[in-house]
Amino acid sequence: MQIILADGVYQIQKTLIDADDNISLISKSGNRNNVVISGCGMRKTKRVDNLIRVSGKHLTLDGITLQQAGNHLIRIAGEQSADFPHSA
């Protein structure tokens, strides 16, 4: 499945979860400076703040900037047989 993002800053409040295999997050323009997924940054919280949690295999990120994660930009759930993301 391909999710194609238009140019812009996507401010997220909760972790994006990739639970399926073969997911691609792709910028429409191909310019990583123009497509940004941004979290809430470091702040006092009792939970772990990640932008993306991967529990499926073969996540691809292409032309996207990740920023302002409270803890991790990407968390790989290896205990669920996830593998490393591919960045084009």
PDB file of N, CA and C in Angstrom:
ATOM      1  N   MET A   1       0.840  -1.167   0.000  1.00  0.00           N
ATOM      2  CA  MET A   1       0.000   0.000   0.000  1.00  0.00           C
ATOM      3  C   MET A   1       0.887   1.231   0.000  1.00  0.00           C
ATOM      4  N   GLN A   2       0.574   2.189  -0.839  1.00  0.00           N
ATOM      5  CA  GLN A   2       1.305   3.453  -0.883  1.00  0.00           C
ATOM      6  C   GLN A   2       0.420   4.558  -0.318  1.00  0.00           C
ATOM      7  N   ILE A   3       1.002   5.328   0.589  1.00  0.00           N
ATOM      8  CA  ILE A   3       0.345   6.525   1.104  1.00  0.00           C
ATOM      9  C   ILE A   3       1.179   7.689   0.588  1.00  0.00           C
ATOM     10  N   ILE A   4       0.575   8.488  -0.289  1.00  0.00           N
ATOM     11  CA  ILE A   4       1.293   9.585  -0.931  1.00  0.00           C
ATOM     12  C   ILE A   4       0.872  10.891  -0.266  1.00  0.00           C
ATOM     13  N   LEU A   5       1.863  11.612   0.262  1.00  0.00           N
ATOM     14  CA  LEU A   5       1.606  12.846   0.993  1.00  0.00           C
ATOM     15  C   LEU A   5       1.955  14.062   0.152  1.00  0.00           C
ATOM     16  N   ALA A   6       1.028  15.015   0.107  1.00  0.00           N
ATOM     17  CA  ALA A   6       1.270  16.289  -0.567  1.00  0.00           C
ATOM     18  C   ALA A   6       2.234  17.116   0.277  1.00  0.00           C
ATOM     19  N   ASP A   7       2.852  18.128  -0.333  1.00  0.00           N
ATOM     20  CA  ASP A   7       3.737  19.014   0.407  1.00  0.00           C
ATOM     21  C   ASP A   7       2.992  19.621   1.590  1.00  0.00           C
ATOM     22  N   GLY A   8       3.689  19.730   2.720  1.00  0.00           N
ATOM     23  CA  GLY A   8       3.104  20.338   3.907  1.00  0.00           C
ATOM     24  C   GLY A   8       3.742  19.781   5.158  1.00  0.00           C
ATOM     25  N   VAL A   9       3.377  20.380   6.279  1.00  0.00           N
ATOM     26  CA  VAL A   9       3.813  19.907   7.581  1.00  0.00           C
ATOM     27  C   VAL A   9       2.627  19.202   8.219  1.00  0.00           C
ATOM     28  N   TYR A  10       2.826  17.942   8.569  1.00  0.00           N
ATOM     29  CA  TYR A  10       1.790  17.130   9.179  1.00  0.00           C
ATOM     30  C   TYR A  10       2.101  17.018  10.666  1.00  0.00           C
ATOM     31  N   GLN A  11       1.382  17.788  11.479  1.00  0.00           N
ATOM     32  CA  GLN A  11       1.583  17.808  12.926  1.00  0.00           C
ATOM     33  C   GLN A  11       0.745  16.687  13.529  1.00  0.00           C
ATOM     34  N   ILE A  12       1.406  15.730  14.182  1.00  0.00           N
ATOM     35  CA  ILE A  12       0.670  14.606  14.747  1.00  0.00           C
ATOM     36  C   ILE A  12       0.709  14.665  16.273  1.00  0.00           C
ATOM     37  N   GLN A  13      -0.350  14.204  16.885  1.00  0.00           N
ATOM     38  CA  GLN A  13      -0.484  14.195  18.339  1.00  0.00           C
ATOM     39  C   GLN A  13      -0.285  12.800  18.920  1.00  0.00           C
ATOM     40  N   LYS A  14      -0.454  11.771  18.076  1.00  0.00           N
ATOM     41  CA  LYS A  14      -0.323  10.385  18.514  1.00  0.00           C
ATOM     42  C   LYS A  14       0.578   9.624  17.553  1.00  0.00           C
ATOM     43  N   THR A  15       1.126   8.530  18.038  1.00  0.00           N
ATOM     44  CA  THR A  15       2.007   7.691  17.235  1.00  0.00           C
ATOM     45  C   THR A  15       1.261   7.097  16.043  1.00  0.00           C
ATOM     46  N   LEU A  16       1.895   7.154  14.871  1.00  0.00           N
ATOM     47  CA  LEU A  16       1.384   6.457  13.697  1.00  0.00           C
ATOM     48  C   LEU A  16       1.827   5.005  13.805  1.00  0.00           C
ATOM     49  N   ILE A  17       0.924   4.079  13.609  1.00  0.00           N
ATOM     50  CA  ILE A  17       1.254   2.668  13.776  1.00  0.00           C
ATOM     51  C   ILE A  17       1.179   1.957  12.431  1.00  0.00           C
ATOM     52  N   ASP A  18       2.275   1.303  12.072  1.00  0.00           N
ATOM     53  CA  ASP A  18       2.332   0.471  10.867  1.00  0.00           C
ATOM     54  C   ASP A  18       2.238  -0.977  11.321  1.00  0.00           C
ATOM     55  N   ALA A  19       1.058  -1.556  11.171  1.00  0.00           N
ATOM     56  CA  ALA A  19       0.859  -2.937  11.608  1.00  0.00           C
ATOM     57  C   ALA A  19       0.810  -3.904  10.436  1.00  0.00           C
ATOM     58  N   ASP A  20       0.859  -3.389   9.227  1.00  0.00           N
ATOM     59  CA  ASP A  20       0.793  -4.238   8.039  1.00  0.00           C
ATOM     60  C   ASP A  20       2.157  -4.295   7.362  1.00  0.00           C
ATOM     61  N   ASP A  21       2.318  -5.278   6.513  1.00  0.00           N
ATOM     62  CA  ASP A  21       3.535  -5.402   5.724  1.00  0.00           C
ATOM     63  C   ASP A  21       3.435  -4.551   4.461  1.00  0.00           C
ATOM     64  N   ASN A  22       4.604  -4.146   3.956  1.00  0.00           N
ATOM     65  CA  ASN A  22       4.717  -3.477   2.660  1.00  0.00           C
ATOM     66  C   ASN A  22       3.944  -2.160   2.576  1.00  0.00           C
ATOM     67  N   ILE A  23       4.152  -1.295   3.560  1.00  0.00           N
ATOM     68  CA  ILE A  23       3.558   0.039   3.566  1.00  0.00           C
ATOM     69  C   ILE A  23       4.622   1.029   3.103  1.00  0.00           C
ATOM     70  N   SER A  24       4.234   1.960   2.238  1.00  0.00           N
ATOM     71  CA  SER A  24       5.148   3.004   1.770  1.00  0.00           C
ATOM     72  C   SER A  24       4.544   4.369   2.058  1.00  0.00           C
ATOM     73  N   LEU A  25       5.303   5.217   2.746  1.00  0.00           N
ATOM     74  CA  LEU A  25       4.953   6.627   2.927  1.00  0.00           C
ATOM     75  C   LEU A  25       5.833   7.406   1.965  1.00  0.00           C
ATOM     76  N   ILE A  26       5.228   8.074   1.007  1.00  0.00           N
ATOM     77  CA  ILE A  26       5.965   8.701  -0.090  1.00  0.00           C
ATOM     78  C   ILE A  26       5.498  10.139  -0.259  1.00  0.00           C
ATOM     79  N   SER A  27       6.442  11.039  -0.468  1.00  0.00           N
ATOM     80  CA  SER A  27       6.055  12.416  -0.763  1.00  0.00           C
ATOM     81  C   SER A  27       5.714  12.536  -2.245  1.00  0.00           C
ATOM     82  N   LYS A  28       4.681  13.275  -2.529  1.00  0.00           N
ATOM     83  CA  LYS A  28       4.252  13.462  -3.917  1.00  0.00           C
ATOM     84  C   LYS A  28       5.314  14.217  -4.721  1.00  0.00           C
ATOM     85  N   SER A  29       5.946  15.213  -4.086  1.00  0.00           N
ATOM     86  CA  SER A  29       6.932  16.041  -4.794  1.00  0.00           C
ATOM     87  C   SER A  29       8.308  15.380  -4.861  1.00  0.00           C
ATOM     88  N   GLY A  30       8.573  14.435  -3.956  1.00  0.00           N
ATOM     89  CA  GLY A  30       9.893  13.822  -3.905  1.00  0.00           C
ATOM     90  C   GLY A  30      10.922  14.658  -3.159  1.00  0.00           C
ATOM     91  N   ASN A  31      10.509  15.810  -2.649  1.00  0.00           N
ATOM     92  CA  ASN A  31      11.414  16.710  -1.937  1.00  0.00           C
ATOM     93  C   ASN A  31      11.188  16.566  -0.436  1.00  0.00           C
ATOM     94  N   ARG A  32      12.151  15.953   0.253  1.00  0.00           N
ATOM     95  CA  ARG A  32      11.981  15.676   1.687  1.00  0.00           C
ATOM     96  C   ARG A  32      11.872  16.936   2.532  1.00  0.00           C
ATOM     97  N   ASN A  33      12.325  18.059   2.021  1.00  0.00           N
ATOM     98  CA  ASN A  33      12.196  19.324   2.764  1.00  0.00           C
ATOM     99  C   ASN A  33      10.778  19.875   2.724  1.00  0.00           C
ATOM    100  N   ASN A  34       9.974  19.398   1.789  1.00  0.00           N
ATOM    101  CA  ASN A  34       8.620  19.916   1.616  1.00  0.00           C
ATOM    102  C   ASN A  34       7.543  19.062   2.271  1.00  0.00           C
ATOM    103  N   VAL A  35       7.893  17.862   2.708  1.00  0.00           N
ATOM    104  CA  VAL A  35       6.929  16.974   3.369  1.00  0.00           C
ATOM    105  C   VAL A  35       7.517  16.588   4.723  1.00  0.00           C
ATOM    106  N   VAL A  36       6.886  17.101   5.783  1.00  0.00           N
ATOM    107  CA  VAL A  36       7.407  16.926   7.134  1.00  0.00           C
ATOM    108  C   VAL A  36       6.331  16.335   8.030  1.00  0.00           C
ATOM    109  N   ILE A  37       6.688  15.261   8.737  1.00  0.00           N
ATOM    110  CA  ILE A  37       5.822  14.723   9.780  1.00  0.00           C
ATOM    111  C   ILE A  37       6.470  15.131  11.096  1.00  0.00           C
ATOM    112  N   SER A  38       5.736  15.902  11.888  1.00  0.00           N
ATOM    113  CA  SER A  38       6.294  16.493  13.093  1.00  0.00           C
ATOM    114  C   SER A  38       5.476  16.095  14.313  1.00  0.00           C
ATOM    115  N   GLY A  39       6.179  15.706  15.367  1.00  0.00           N
ATOM    116  CA  GLY A  39       5.523  15.355  16.622  1.00  0.00           C
ATOM    117  C   GLY A  39       5.453  16.551  17.554  1.00  0.00           C
ATOM    118  N   CYS A  40       5.261  16.280  18.821  1.00  0.00           N
ATOM    119  CA  CYS A  40       5.115  17.333  19.832  1.00  0.00           C
ATOM    120  C   CYS A  40       6.426  17.699  20.508  1.00  0.00           C
ATOM    121  N   GLY A  41       7.514  17.052  20.127  1.00  0.00           N
ATOM    122  CA  GLY A  41       8.813  17.343  20.724  1.00  0.00           C
ATOM    123  C   GLY A  41       8.941  16.755  22.116  1.00  0.00           C
ATOM    124  N   MET A  42      10.049  17.041  22.744  1.00  0.00           N
ATOM    125  CA  MET A  42      10.278  16.518  24.090  1.00  0.00           C
ATOM    126  C   MET A  42       9.414  17.282  25.086  1.00  0.00           C
ATOM    127  N   ARG A  43       8.753  16.523  25.936  1.00  0.00           N
ATOM    128  CA  ARG A  43       7.901  17.104  26.963  1.00  0.00           C
ATOM    129  C   ARG A  43       7.730  16.099  28.076  1.00  0.00           C
ATOM    130  N   LYS A  44       7.286  16.558  29.196  1.00  0.00           N
ATOM    131  CA  LYS A  44       7.100  15.671  30.344  1.00  0.00           C
ATOM    132  C   LYS A  44       5.842  14.831  30.124  1.00  0.00           C
ATOM    133  N   THR A  45       6.030  13.527  30.091  1.00  0.00           N
ATOM    134  CA  THR A  45       4.908  12.605  29.908  1.00  0.00           C
ATOM    135  C   THR A  45       5.269  11.261  30.526  1.00  0.00           C
ATOM    136  N   LYS A  46       4.275  10.503  30.902  1.00  0.00           N
ATOM    137  CA  LYS A  46       4.515   9.178  31.490  1.00  0.00           C
ATOM    138  C   LYS A  46       4.666   8.103  30.427  1.00  0.00           C
ATOM    139  N   ARG A  47       4.371   8.418  29.189  1.00  0.00           N
ATOM    140  CA  ARG A  47       4.448   7.418  28.127  1.00  0.00           C
ATOM    141  C   ARG A  47       5.589   7.733  27.174  1.00  0.00           C
ATOM    142  N   VAL A  48       5.912   6.771  26.355  1.00  0.00           N
ATOM    143  CA  VAL A  48       6.956   6.956  25.346  1.00  0.00           C
ATOM    144  C   VAL A  48       6.314   7.600  24.115  1.00  0.00           C
ATOM    145  N   ASP A  49       6.915   8.661  23.630  1.00  0.00           N
ATOM    146  CA  ASP A  49       6.409   9.351  22.437  1.00  0.00           C
ATOM    147  C   ASP A  49       7.268   8.999  21.236  1.00  0.00           C
ATOM    148  N   ASN A  50       6.685   8.308  20.278  1.00  0.00           N
ATOM    149  CA  ASN A  50       7.348   7.978  19.019  1.00  0.00           C
ATOM    150  C   ASN A  50       6.508   8.550  17.892  1.00  0.00           C
ATOM    151  N   LEU A  51       7.145   8.898  16.776  1.00  0.00           N
ATOM    152  CA  LEU A  51       6.361   9.336  15.618  1.00  0.00           C
ATOM    153  C   LEU A  51       5.721   8.153  14.920  1.00  0.00           C
ATOM    154  N   ILE A  52       6.517   7.115  14.675  1.00  0.00           N
ATOM    155  CA  ILE A  52       6.019   5.946  13.945  1.00  0.00           C
ATOM    156  C   ILE A  52       6.412   4.689  14.700  1.00  0.00           C
ATOM    157  N   ARG A  53       5.485   3.766  14.864  1.00  0.00           N
ATOM    158  CA  ARG A  53       5.768   2.453  15.449  1.00  0.00           C
ATOM    159  C   ARG A  53       5.533   1.414  14.362  1.00  0.00           C
ATOM    160  N   VAL A  54       6.562   0.658  14.060  1.00  0.00           N
ATOM    161  CA  VAL A  54       6.506  -0.328  12.988  1.00  0.00           C
ATOM    162  C   VAL A  54       6.417  -1.732  13.586  1.00  0.00           C
ATOM    163  N   SER A  55       5.330  -2.438  13.268  1.00  0.00           N
ATOM    164  CA  SER A  55       5.220  -3.831  13.690  1.00  0.00           C
ATOM    165  C   SER A  55       5.054  -4.748  12.491  1.00  0.00           C
ATOM    166  N   GLY A  56       5.030  -4.167  11.303  1.00  0.00           N
ATOM    167  CA  GLY A  56       4.973  -4.953  10.067  1.00  0.00           C
ATOM    168  C   GLY A  56       6.344  -4.982   9.402  1.00  0.00           C
ATOM    169  N   LYS A  57       6.430  -5.705   8.314  1.00  0.00           N
ATOM    170  CA  LYS A  57       7.689  -5.807   7.567  1.00  0.00           C
ATOM    171  C   LYS A  57       7.669  -4.857   6.369  1.00  0.00           C
ATOM    172  N   HIS A  58       8.842  -4.349   6.041  1.00  0.00           N
ATOM    173  CA  HIS A  58       9.066  -3.605   4.799  1.00  0.00           C
ATOM    174  C   HIS A  58       8.334  -2.268   4.726  1.00  0.00           C
ATOM    175  N   LEU A  59       8.525  -1.419   5.732  1.00  0.00           N
ATOM    176  CA  LEU A  59       8.055  -0.042   5.665  1.00  0.00           C
ATOM    177  C   LEU A  59       9.053   0.747   4.825  1.00  0.00           C
ATOM    178  N   THR A  60       8.549   1.554   3.895  1.00  0.00           N
ATOM    179  CA  THR A  60       9.404   2.423   3.087  1.00  0.00           C
ATOM    180  C   THR A  60       9.028   3.877   3.341  1.00  0.00           C
ATOM    181  N   LEU A  61      10.038   4.706   3.587  1.00  0.00           N
ATOM    182  CA  LEU A  61       9.876   6.152   3.679  1.00  0.00           C
ATOM    183  C   LEU A  61      10.653   6.762   2.532  1.00  0.00           C
ATOM    184  N   ASP A  62      10.003   7.610   1.746  1.00  0.00           N
ATOM    185  CA  ASP A  62      10.669   8.196   0.589  1.00  0.00           C
ATOM    186  C   ASP A  62      10.288   9.666   0.465  1.00  0.00           C
ATOM    187  N   GLY A  63      11.271  10.539   0.607  1.00  0.00           N
ATOM    188  CA  GLY A  63      11.049  11.969   0.414  1.00  0.00           C
ATOM    189  C   GLY A  63      10.296  12.620   1.559  1.00  0.00           C
ATOM    190  N   ILE A  64      10.503  12.131   2.789  1.00  0.00           N
ATOM    191  CA  ILE A  64       9.790  12.653   3.955  1.00  0.00           C
ATOM    192  C   ILE A  64      10.791  12.941   5.068  1.00  0.00           C
ATOM    193  N   THR A  65      10.578  14.062   5.757  1.00  0.00           N
ATOM    194  CA  THR A  65      11.375  14.399   6.935  1.00  0.00           C
ATOM    195  C   THR A  65      10.556  14.111   8.179  1.00  0.00           C
ATOM    196  N   LEU A  66      11.177  13.426   9.153  1.00  0.00           N
ATOM    197  CA  LEU A  66      10.563  13.177  10.447  1.00  0.00           C
ATOM    198  C   LEU A  66      11.270  14.065  11.466  1.00  0.00           C
ATOM    199  N   GLN A  67      10.491  14.711  12.351  1.00  0.00           N
ATOM    200  CA  GLN A  67      11.113  15.606  13.331  1.00  0.00           C
ATOM    201  C   GLN A  67      10.260  15.737  14.585  1.00  0.00           C
ATOM    202  N   GLN A  68      10.867  16.259  15.622  1.00  0.00           N
ATOM    203  CA  GLN A  68      10.207  16.607  16.872  1.00  0.00           C
ATOM    204  C   GLN A  68       9.530  15.435  17.581  1.00  0.00           C
ATOM    205  N   ALA A  69      10.211  14.298  17.602  1.00  0.00           N
ATOM    206  CA  ALA A  69       9.703  13.158  18.367  1.00  0.00           C
ATOM    207  C   ALA A  69      10.048  13.350  19.831  1.00  0.00           C
ATOM    208  N   GLY A  70       9.150  12.941  20.701  1.00  0.00           N
ATOM    209  CA  GLY A  70       9.425  13.008  22.127  1.00  0.00           C
ATOM    210  C   GLY A  70      10.543  12.065  22.517  1.00  0.00           C
ATOM    211  N   ASN A  71      10.554  10.871  21.924  1.00  0.00           N
ATOM    212  CA  ASN A  71      11.592   9.890  22.221  1.00  0.00           C
ATOM    213  C   ASN A  71      12.269   9.383  20.958  1.00  0.00           C
ATOM    214  N   HIS A  72      11.530   8.712  20.091  1.00  0.00           N
ATOM    215  CA  HIS A  72      12.128   8.106  18.896  1.00  0.00           C
ATOM    216  C   HIS A  72      11.335   8.501  17.658  1.00  0.00           C
ATOM    217  N   LEU A  73      12.044   8.737  16.570  1.00  0.00           N
ATOM    218  CA  LEU A  73      11.358   8.985  15.301  1.00  0.00           C
ATOM    219  C   LEU A  73      10.622   7.740  14.853  1.00  0.00           C
ATOM    220  N   ILE A  74      11.317   6.592  14.891  1.00  0.00           N
ATOM    221  CA  ILE A  74      10.728   5.314  14.481  1.00  0.00           C
ATOM    222  C   ILE A  74      11.054   4.266  15.533  1.00  0.00           C
ATOM    223  N   ARG A  75      10.051   3.551  15.981  1.00  0.00           N
ATOM    224  CA  ARG A  75      10.266   2.424  16.894  1.00  0.00           C
ATOM    225  C   ARG A  75       9.970   1.141  16.134  1.00  0.00           C
ATOM    226  N   ILE A  76      10.930   0.253  16.091  1.00  0.00           N
ATOM    227  CA  ILE A  76      10.778  -1.036  15.423  1.00  0.00           C
ATOM    228  C   ILE A  76      10.368  -2.067  16.471  1.00  0.00           C
ATOM    229  N   ALA A  77       9.207  -2.667  16.303  1.00  0.00           N
ATOM    230  CA  ALA A  77       8.708  -3.672  17.245  1.00  0.00           C
ATOM    231  C   ALA A  77       9.247  -5.036  16.841  1.00  0.00           C
ATOM    232  N   GLY A  78      10.522  -5.267  17.112  1.00  0.00           N
ATOM    233  CA  GLY A  78      11.174  -6.519  16.745  1.00  0.00           C
ATOM    234  C   GLY A  78      10.530  -7.726  17.384  1.00  0.00           C
ATOM    235  N   GLU A  79       9.940  -7.544  18.551  1.00  0.00           N
ATOM    236  CA  GLU A  79       9.268  -8.659  19.216  1.00  0.00           C
ATOM    237  C   GLU A  79       8.049  -9.143  18.430  1.00  0.00           C
ATOM    238  N   GLN A  80       7.628  -8.350  17.451  1.00  0.00           N
ATOM    239  CA  GLN A  80       6.509  -8.732  16.590  1.00  0.00           C
ATOM    240  C   GLN A  80       6.997  -9.033  15.172  1.00  0.00           C
ATOM    241  N   SER A  81       8.270  -9.356  15.055  1.00  0.00           N
ATOM    242  CA  SER A  81       8.907  -9.731  13.784  1.00  0.00           C
ATOM    243  C   SER A  81       8.988  -8.601  12.779  1.00  0.00           C
ATOM    244  N   ALA A  82       8.917  -7.352  13.245  1.00  0.00           N
ATOM    245  CA  ALA A  82       9.099  -6.227  12.337  1.00  0.00           C
ATOM    246  C   ALA A  82      10.554  -6.190  11.891  1.00  0.00           C
ATOM    247  N   ASP A  83      10.799  -5.574  10.741  1.00  0.00           N
ATOM    248  CA  ASP A  83      12.170  -5.403  10.305  1.00  0.00           C
ATOM    249  C   ASP A  83      12.440  -3.917  10.100  1.00  0.00           C
ATOM    250  N   PHE A  84      13.658  -3.609   9.713  1.00  0.00           N
ATOM    251  CA  PHE A  84      14.064  -2.215   9.587  1.00  0.00           C
ATOM    252  C   PHE A  84      13.336  -1.536   8.435  1.00  0.00           C
ATOM    253  N   PRO A  85      13.071  -0.232   8.574  1.00  0.00           N
ATOM    254  CA  PRO A  85      12.439   0.497   7.462  1.00  0.00           C
ATOM    255  C   PRO A  85      13.444   0.765   6.355  1.00  0.00           C
ATOM    256  N   HIS A  86      12.932   0.913   5.169  1.00  0.00           N
ATOM    257  CA  HIS A  86      13.751   1.246   4.009  1.00  0.00           C
ATOM    258  C   HIS A  86      13.508   2.713   3.693  1.00  0.00           C
ATOM    259  N   SER A  87      14.564   3.462   3.528  1.00  0.00           N
ATOM    260  CA  SER A  87      14.457   4.852   3.165  1.00  0.00           C
ATOM    261  C   SER A  87      15.077   5.016   1.791  1.00  0.00           C
ATOM    262  N   ALA A  88      14.281   5.501   0.882  1.00  0.00           N
ATOM    263  CA  ALA A  88      14.759   5.664  -0.496  1.00  0.00           C
ATOM    264  C   ALA A  88      15.437   7.008  -0.676  1.00  0.00           C
TER     265      ALA A  88
END
